[in-house]
Amino acid sequence: MRWKDESGTKWRLRQQRLAWPRWVKPEVAFEHAPSGLGDDPISAIIALPFLLVFVVMLPFWLAELLLRLLLAPFAAVLRLAGAIPYRLKLYKKGRLTGSYSADGHGELVRLRHELRRMGSPAGGGGH
């Protein structure tokens, strides 16, 4: 959920979709990717750290993805029942300003409305 308050400040409320945060982040491998590779043998040597990190991380990332897909229906039921909390993060101008959790769908809806009101001048001028 994104919005701008009356002063033009950009707010964003993100909800964590699955029951736990990601453990394996594939973007770490791409941080090691060289920016420009040519046809010379030095380019292959420069690319080795990226390839090594990517090859090592790929099986872990795929295993975590498969586990998430298998457990997603169970996590959804447990969230609706209030056994696993919904996690929300509020960002102001692209920076994290707070993390919140809500037990059950009703509390999630209430918390979303409350956070949006806090992020507008009429509701308190920000968080």
C-alpha atoms as a PDB file:
ATOM      1  CA  MET A   1       0.000   0.000   0.000  1.00  0.00           C
ATOM      2  CA  ARG A   2       1.475   3.362  -1.055  1.00  0.00           C
ATOM      3  CA  TRP A   3       0.254   6.899  -0.511  1.00  0.00           C
ATOM      4  CA  LYS A   4       1.370  10.514  -0.253  1.00  0.00           C
ATOM      5  CA  ASP A   5       0.312  12.707   2.625  1.00  0.00           C
ATOM      6  CA  GLU A   6      -0.789  16.314   2.157  1.00  0.00           C
ATOM      7  CA  SER A   7       2.795  17.567   2.464  1.00  0.00           C
ATOM      8  CA  GLY A   8       3.903  15.254  -0.392  1.00  0.00           C
ATOM      9  CA  THR A   9       5.785  12.744   1.771  1.00  0.00           C
ATOM     10  CA  LYS A  10       5.753   9.270   0.237  1.00  0.00           C
ATOM     11  CA  TRP A  11       4.679   6.410   2.523  1.00  0.00           C
ATOM     12  CA  ARG A  12       4.644   2.679   1.860  1.00  0.00           C
ATOM     13  CA  LEU A  13       3.273  -0.144   3.969  1.00  0.00           C
ATOM     14  CA  ARG A  14       4.616  -3.589   3.055  1.00  0.00           C
ATOM     15  CA  GLN A  15       3.217  -6.857   4.316  1.00  0.00           C
ATOM     16  CA  GLN A  16       5.443  -9.905   4.593  1.00  0.00           C
ATOM     17  CA  ARG A  17       3.598 -12.498   2.537  1.00  0.00           C
ATOM     18  CA  LEU A  18       5.073 -15.688   3.922  1.00  0.00           C
ATOM     19  CA  ALA A  19       5.543 -16.898   7.475  1.00  0.00           C
ATOM     20  CA  TRP A  20       9.259 -16.150   7.706  1.00  0.00           C
ATOM     21  CA  PRO A  21      11.713 -13.751   6.055  1.00  0.00           C
ATOM     22  CA  ARG A  22      13.921 -15.009   3.258  1.00  0.00           C
ATOM     23  CA  TRP A  23      17.093 -16.696   4.459  1.00  0.00           C
ATOM     24  CA  VAL A  24      18.844 -17.110   1.110  1.00  0.00           C
ATOM     25  CA  LYS A  25      18.965 -13.976  -0.988  1.00  0.00           C
ATOM     26  CA  PRO A  26      19.984 -14.613  -4.615  1.00  0.00           C
ATOM     27  CA  GLU A  27      20.789 -10.936  -5.151  1.00  0.00           C
ATOM     28  CA  VAL A  28      23.957 -11.481  -3.094  1.00  0.00           C
ATOM     29  CA  ALA A  29      25.379 -13.438  -6.026  1.00  0.00           C
ATOM     30  CA  PHE A  30      24.617 -10.609  -8.440  1.00  0.00           C
ATOM     31  CA  GLU A  31      26.470  -8.138  -6.231  1.00  0.00           C
ATOM     32  CA  HIS A  32      29.609 -10.054  -7.193  1.00  0.00           C
ATOM     33  CA  ALA A  33      28.852  -9.889 -10.927  1.00  0.00           C
ATOM     34  CA  PRO A  34      31.388  -7.895 -12.938  1.00  0.00           C
ATOM     35  CA  SER A  35      29.985  -4.976 -14.883  1.00  0.00           C
ATOM     36  CA  GLY A  36      31.756  -5.464 -18.215  1.00  0.00           C
ATOM     37  CA  LEU A  37      33.026  -8.744 -19.620  1.00  0.00           C
ATOM     38  CA  GLY A  38      34.920  -8.979 -22.864  1.00  0.00           C
ATOM     39  CA  ASP A  39      36.307 -11.816 -24.958  1.00  0.00           C
ATOM     40  CA  ASP A  40      39.699 -11.863 -23.265  1.00  0.00           C
ATOM     41  CA  PRO A  41      40.763 -14.547 -20.739  1.00  0.00           C
ATOM     42  CA  ILE A  42      40.999 -11.973 -17.933  1.00  0.00           C
ATOM     43  CA  SER A  43      37.235 -11.428 -18.153  1.00  0.00           C
ATOM     44  CA  ALA A  44      36.629 -15.096 -17.343  1.00  0.00           C
ATOM     45  CA  ILE A  45      38.887 -14.814 -14.289  1.00  0.00           C
ATOM     46  CA  ILE A  46      37.058 -11.676 -13.170  1.00  0.00           C
ATOM     47  CA  ALA A  47      33.716 -13.518 -13.463  1.00  0.00           C
ATOM     48  CA  LEU A  48      34.841 -16.495 -11.338  1.00  0.00           C
ATOM     49  CA  PRO A  49      33.744 -15.090  -7.932  1.00  0.00           C
ATOM     50  CA  PHE A  50      30.249 -14.389  -9.296  1.00  0.00           C
ATOM     51  CA  LEU A  51      29.949 -17.843 -10.832  1.00  0.00           C
ATOM     52  CA  LEU A  52      31.189 -19.520  -7.670  1.00  0.00           C
ATOM     53  CA  VAL A  53      28.764 -17.650  -5.402  1.00  0.00           C
ATOM     54  CA  PHE A  54      25.900 -18.238  -7.835  1.00  0.00           C
ATOM     55  CA  VAL A  55      26.568 -21.986  -8.167  1.00  0.00           C
ATOM     56  CA  VAL A  56      26.833 -22.414  -4.389  1.00  0.00           C
ATOM     57  CA  MET A  57      23.717 -20.358  -3.604  1.00  0.00           C
ATOM     58  CA  LEU A  58      21.408 -21.650  -6.349  1.00  0.00           C
ATOM     59  CA  PRO A  59      20.617 -25.041  -4.725  1.00  0.00           C
ATOM     60  CA  PHE A  60      19.943 -23.368  -1.355  1.00  0.00           C
ATOM     61  CA  TRP A  61      17.694 -20.773  -2.969  1.00  0.00           C
ATOM     62  CA  LEU A  62      15.745 -23.432  -4.889  1.00  0.00           C
ATOM     63  CA  ALA A  63      15.363 -25.591  -1.753  1.00  0.00           C
ATOM     64  CA  GLU A  64      14.043 -22.616   0.225  1.00  0.00           C
ATOM     65  CA  LEU A  65      11.647 -21.705  -2.592  1.00  0.00           C
ATOM     66  CA  LEU A  66      10.288 -25.263  -2.702  1.00  0.00           C
ATOM     67  CA  LEU A  67       9.868 -25.309   1.086  1.00  0.00           C
ATOM     68  CA  ARG A  68       8.005 -21.993   0.980  1.00  0.00           C
ATOM     69  CA  LEU A  69       5.676 -23.248  -1.752  1.00  0.00           C
ATOM     70  CA  LEU A  70       4.903 -26.412   0.196  1.00  0.00           C
ATOM     71  CA  LEU A  71       4.270 -24.620   3.493  1.00  0.00           C
ATOM     72  CA  ALA A  72       2.391 -21.582   2.138  1.00  0.00           C
ATOM     73  CA  PRO A  73      -1.128 -23.098   2.457  1.00  0.00           C
ATOM     74  CA  PHE A  74      -0.471 -24.133   6.080  1.00  0.00           C
ATOM     75  CA  ALA A  75       0.962 -20.708   6.930  1.00  0.00           C
ATOM     76  CA  ALA A  76      -2.103 -19.010   5.403  1.00  0.00           C
ATOM     77  CA  VAL A  77      -4.478 -21.062   7.562  1.00  0.00           C
ATOM     78  CA  LEU A  78      -2.403 -20.430  10.689  1.00  0.00           C
ATOM     79  CA  ARG A  79      -2.318 -16.692   9.936  1.00  0.00           C
ATOM     80  CA  LEU A  80      -6.072 -16.508   9.524  1.00  0.00           C
ATOM     81  CA  ALA A  81      -6.461 -18.354  12.826  1.00  0.00           C
ATOM     82  CA  GLY A  82      -4.104 -15.889  14.530  1.00  0.00           C
ATOM     83  CA  ALA A  83      -1.434 -18.513  15.343  1.00  0.00           C
ATOM     84  CA  ILE A  84       1.183 -16.843  13.101  1.00  0.00           C
ATOM     85  CA  PRO A  85       1.191 -13.026  13.128  1.00  0.00           C
ATOM     86  CA  TYR A  86       1.077 -10.893  10.004  1.00  0.00           C
ATOM     87  CA  ARG A  87       4.190  -8.733   9.754  1.00  0.00           C
ATOM     88  CA  LEU A  88       4.043  -5.187   8.410  1.00  0.00           C
ATOM     89  CA  LYS A  89       6.810  -2.673   7.722  1.00  0.00           C
ATOM     90  CA  LEU A  90       6.172   1.055   7.368  1.00  0.00           C
ATOM     91  CA  TYR A  91       8.485   3.122   5.152  1.00  0.00           C
ATOM     92  CA  LYS A  92       8.688   6.907   4.942  1.00  0.00           C
ATOM     93  CA  LYS A  93      10.542   8.357   1.950  1.00  0.00           C
ATOM     94  CA  GLY A  94      12.000   4.905   1.279  1.00  0.00           C
ATOM     95  CA  ARG A  95      13.368   4.415   4.820  1.00  0.00           C
ATOM     96  CA  LEU A  96      12.042   1.889   7.298  1.00  0.00           C
ATOM     97  CA  THR A  97      10.327   3.696  10.174  1.00  0.00           C
ATOM     98  CA  GLY A  98       8.755   0.771  12.020  1.00  0.00           C
ATOM     99  CA  SER A  99       7.837  -2.918  12.076  1.00  0.00           C
ATOM    100  CA  TYR A 100       4.497  -4.150  13.334  1.00  0.00           C
ATOM    101  CA  SER A 101       2.695  -7.463  13.778  1.00  0.00           C
ATOM    102  CA  ALA A 102      -1.009  -8.295  13.818  1.00  0.00           C
ATOM    103  CA  ASP A 103      -2.661 -11.468  15.096  1.00  0.00           C
ATOM    104  CA  GLY A 104      -5.503 -12.475  12.784  1.00  0.00           C
ATOM    105  CA  HIS A 105      -7.043 -10.812   9.760  1.00  0.00           C
ATOM    106  CA  GLY A 106      -9.279  -8.405  11.698  1.00  0.00           C
ATOM    107  CA  GLU A 107      -6.335  -6.933  13.596  1.00  0.00           C
ATOM    108  CA  LEU A 108      -4.383  -6.708  10.319  1.00  0.00           C
ATOM    109  CA  VAL A 109      -7.100  -4.555   8.724  1.00  0.00           C
ATOM    110  CA  ARG A 110      -7.317  -2.345  11.836  1.00  0.00           C
ATOM    111  CA  LEU A 111      -3.525  -1.920  11.970  1.00  0.00           C
ATOM    112  CA  ARG A 112      -3.335  -0.979   8.272  1.00  0.00           C
ATOM    113  CA  HIS A 113      -5.924   1.768   8.743  1.00  0.00           C
ATOM    114  CA  GLU A 114      -4.239   3.012  11.906  1.00  0.00           C
ATOM    115  CA  LEU A 115      -0.791   3.175  10.272  1.00  0.00           C
ATOM    116  CA  ARG A 116      -2.168   4.989   7.265  1.00  0.00           C
ATOM    117  CA  ARG A 117      -3.824   7.558   9.550  1.00  0.00           C
ATOM    118  CA  MET A 118      -0.534   7.997  11.447  1.00  0.00           C
ATOM    119  CA  GLY A 119       1.226   8.705   8.146  1.00  0.00           C
ATOM    120  CA  SER A 120      -1.065  11.578   7.243  1.00  0.00           C
ATOM    121  CA  PRO A 121      -1.041  15.094   8.740  1.00  0.00           C
ATOM    122  CA  ALA A 122      -4.646  14.703   9.953  1.00  0.00           C
ATOM    123  CA  GLY A 123      -3.715  11.616  11.941  1.00  0.00           C
ATOM    124  CA  GLY A 124      -0.645  12.817  13.751  1.00  0.00           C
ATOM    125  CA  GLY A 125       1.829  14.043  11.136  1.00  0.00           C
ATOM    126  CA  GLY A 126       3.873  10.919  10.589  1.00  0.00           C
ATOM    127  CA  HIS A 127       5.462   8.076  12.493  1.00  0.00           C
END
